């Protein structure tokens, strides 16, 4: 019987994030309760950061909620957005910073392989940098492994790519 494999990665489509950012900007500009207030949402694609500037906590919170809603509509996992800081500026505004996380940490890779070894599956996992390759004889078993990995509650946005049958 042939062997099949797939890779477990944490990828984020930055074009979809950019599209969500553009739509969120339009919605923020149309909000009546933001008229006359500072409401600015910045996205840096190269640094993978999102910064929300607002007059107060309410405005910043609403902007972040709008942005997260647009991410969810575009099938971008909210786990990819991690808050890096919230600070008050001297001019009286509030700034909240987020980074977009698109890699699996070594601890998470080890957690996936450890969970796979502890389970009843015959599939084998190997760590390849920031990806985990899972190899098994049965495609059905590999699908069950995917369900198990989704249930691990990792902090990274997990995706399954590079399906192969040998």
Protein backbone atom coordinates (compact mmCIF):
# COMPACT_ATOMS: atom_id res chain seq x y z
CA UNK A 1 0.00 0.00 0.00
CA UNK A 2 1.28 3.48 -0.81
CA UNK A 3 2.19 6.09 1.74
CA UNK A 4 0.49 9.47 1.95
CA UNK A 5 1.66 12.60 3.70
CA UNK A 6 0.78 16.20 4.42
CA UNK A 7 2.42 19.17 6.11
CA UNK A 8 1.11 21.08 9.10
CA UNK A 9 1.97 24.78 8.81
CA UNK A 10 0.83 28.12 10.19
CA UNK A 11 0.26 30.28 7.13
CA UNK A 12 -1.66 33.51 6.77
CA UNK A 13 -2.67 34.95 3.41
CA UNK A 14 -1.46 38.55 3.78
CA UNK A 15 -3.46 39.61 0.72
CA UNK A 16 -6.65 38.59 2.52
CA UNK A 17 -5.49 40.51 5.61
CA UNK A 18 -4.89 43.55 3.40
CA UNK A 19 -8.37 43.19 1.87
CA UNK A 20 -9.91 42.93 5.35
CA UNK A 21 -7.96 46.05 6.36
CA UNK A 22 -9.29 48.02 3.37
CA UNK A 23 -12.90 47.05 4.06
CA UNK A 24 -12.48 47.80 7.77
CA UNK A 25 -11.15 51.28 6.87
CA UNK A 26 -14.27 51.94 4.79
CA UNK A 27 -16.53 50.82 7.63
CA UNK A 28 -14.61 52.90 10.18
CA UNK A 29 -14.90 55.96 7.91
CA UNK A 30 -18.67 55.48 7.68
CA UNK A 31 -19.25 55.16 11.43
CA UNK A 32 -21.24 58.12 12.74
CA UNK A 33 -19.99 57.66 16.32
CA UNK A 34 -16.38 58.11 15.10
CA UNK A 35 -17.02 61.53 13.52
CA UNK A 36 -14.67 64.12 15.01
CA UNK A 37 -12.59 61.47 16.78
CA UNK A 38 -9.23 59.95 15.96
CA UNK A 39 -9.86 56.55 14.37
CA UNK A 40 -6.93 55.21 12.37
CA UNK A 41 -6.08 51.61 11.48
CA UNK A 42 -2.66 50.90 9.92
CA UNK A 43 -1.45 47.66 8.35
CA UNK A 44 2.19 47.05 7.43
CA UNK A 45 2.45 44.06 5.12
CA UNK A 46 6.25 43.73 5.27
CA UNK A 47 6.47 43.89 9.08
CA UNK A 48 3.18 41.99 9.49
CA UNK A 49 1.81 44.47 12.02
CA UNK A 50 -1.54 46.14 12.60
CA UNK A 51 -1.76 49.34 14.67
CA UNK A 52 -5.03 50.91 15.82
CA UNK A 53 -4.92 54.58 16.93
CA UNK A 54 -7.98 56.04 18.57
CA UNK A 55 -9.27 58.79 20.83
CA UNK A 56 -10.16 56.38 23.64
CA UNK A 57 -10.47 52.69 24.52
CA UNK A 58 -13.99 52.48 23.09
CA UNK A 59 -12.94 53.69 19.64
CA UNK A 60 -9.89 51.40 19.52
CA UNK A 61 -11.94 48.43 20.72
CA UNK A 62 -14.59 49.03 18.07
CA UNK A 63 -11.97 49.35 15.32
CA UNK A 64 -10.31 46.11 16.37
CA UNK A 65 -13.70 44.36 16.46
CA UNK A 66 -14.50 45.59 12.93
CA UNK A 67 -11.09 44.39 11.69
CA UNK A 68 -11.47 40.98 13.36
CA UNK A 69 -14.95 40.62 11.87
CA UNK A 70 -13.53 41.26 8.39
CA UNK A 71 -10.72 38.76 8.98
CA UNK A 72 -13.25 36.12 9.99
CA UNK A 73 -15.34 36.82 6.87
CA UNK A 74 -12.24 36.22 4.75
CA UNK A 75 -11.40 32.91 6.49
CA UNK A 76 -8.28 34.28 8.19
CA UNK A 77 -7.87 32.67 11.60
CA UNK A 78 -8.12 35.10 14.50
CA UNK A 79 -5.36 33.10 16.19
CA UNK A 80 -2.97 34.72 13.72
CA UNK A 81 -3.55 38.12 15.36
CA UNK A 82 -1.66 38.50 18.63
CA UNK A 83 -1.74 41.69 20.69
CA UNK A 84 1.74 43.04 21.39
CA UNK A 85 0.87 46.14 23.36
CA UNK A 86 -1.61 48.79 24.33
CA UNK A 87 -0.42 52.22 25.36
CA UNK A 88 -1.79 55.67 26.00
CA UNK A 89 -0.19 58.43 23.98
CA UNK A 90 0.70 61.78 25.59
CA UNK A 91 -1.87 63.57 23.41
CA UNK A 92 -4.66 61.60 25.07
CA UNK A 93 -5.19 58.88 22.49
CA UNK A 94 -4.84 55.12 22.77
CA UNK A 95 -2.71 52.88 20.54
CA UNK A 96 -3.08 49.11 20.28
CA UNK A 97 -0.53 47.03 18.35
CA UNK A 98 -0.91 43.56 16.88
CA UNK A 99 1.45 41.26 15.04
CA UNK A 100 0.36 38.71 12.48
CA UNK A 101 1.71 35.33 13.40
CA UNK A 102 2.37 32.98 10.52
CA UNK A 103 4.87 30.43 11.82
CA UNK A 104 4.75 27.42 14.09
CA UNK A 105 7.07 27.70 17.06
CA UNK A 106 9.31 24.76 17.92
CA UNK A 107 7.30 24.11 21.11
CA UNK A 108 4.11 23.81 19.08
CA UNK A 109 5.79 21.48 16.58
CA UNK A 110 6.97 19.32 19.48
CA UNK A 111 3.48 19.38 21.03
CA UNK A 112 1.96 18.14 17.76
CA UNK A 113 4.48 15.29 17.39
CA UNK A 114 4.13 14.36 21.07
CA UNK A 115 0.32 14.24 20.79
CA UNK A 116 0.58 12.11 17.66
CA UNK A 117 2.94 9.65 19.35
CA UNK A 118 0.66 9.45 22.39
CA UNK A 119 -2.40 8.74 20.23
CA UNK A 120 -3.52 5.44 18.74
CA UNK A 121 -2.51 6.45 15.21
CA UNK A 122 0.18 4.64 13.25
CA UNK A 123 1.11 7.81 11.37
CA UNK A 124 4.54 9.29 11.97
CA UNK A 125 5.40 12.97 12.40
CA UNK A 126 8.69 14.71 11.72
CA UNK A 127 9.64 18.33 12.32
CA UNK A 128 11.02 20.18 9.30
CA UNK A 129 11.88 23.71 10.46
CA UNK A 130 8.55 25.49 10.96
CA UNK A 131 6.45 22.65 9.55
CA UNK A 132 5.45 19.21 10.74
CA UNK A 133 5.22 16.46 8.12
CA UNK A 134 2.82 13.64 8.92
CA UNK A 135 3.19 10.37 7.00
CA UNK A 136 0.87 7.39 7.11
CA UNK A 137 -0.42 4.49 5.05
CA UNK A 138 -4.12 5.31 5.26
CA UNK A 139 -5.67 8.57 4.04
CA UNK A 140 -8.53 8.03 6.48
CA UNK A 141 -6.07 7.90 9.35
CA UNK A 142 -4.41 11.11 8.14
CA UNK A 143 -7.81 12.82 8.16
CA UNK A 144 -8.31 11.65 11.75
CA UNK A 145 -4.86 13.06 12.59
CA UNK A 146 -5.98 16.41 11.15
CA UNK A 147 -9.05 16.38 13.41
CA UNK A 148 -6.84 15.56 16.40
CA UNK A 149 -4.47 18.46 15.58
CA UNK A 150 -7.41 20.87 15.21
CA UNK A 151 -8.54 19.81 18.69
CA UNK A 152 -5.15 20.52 20.31
CA UNK A 153 -6.04 24.21 20.86
CA UNK A 154 -2.72 25.58 19.61
CA UNK A 155 -2.00 29.30 19.65
CA UNK A 156 -1.07 29.29 15.94
CA UNK A 157 -3.42 29.27 12.93
CA UNK A 158 -2.89 25.68 11.77
CA UNK A 159 -3.29 24.74 8.10
CA UNK A 160 -2.73 21.47 6.27
CA UNK A 161 -0.85 21.67 2.98
CA UNK A 162 1.31 19.68 0.56
CA UNK A 163 -0.86 16.56 0.34
CA UNK A 164 1.05 13.73 -1.34
CA UNK A 165 0.46 10.10 -2.23
CA UNK A 166 3.47 7.97 -3.07
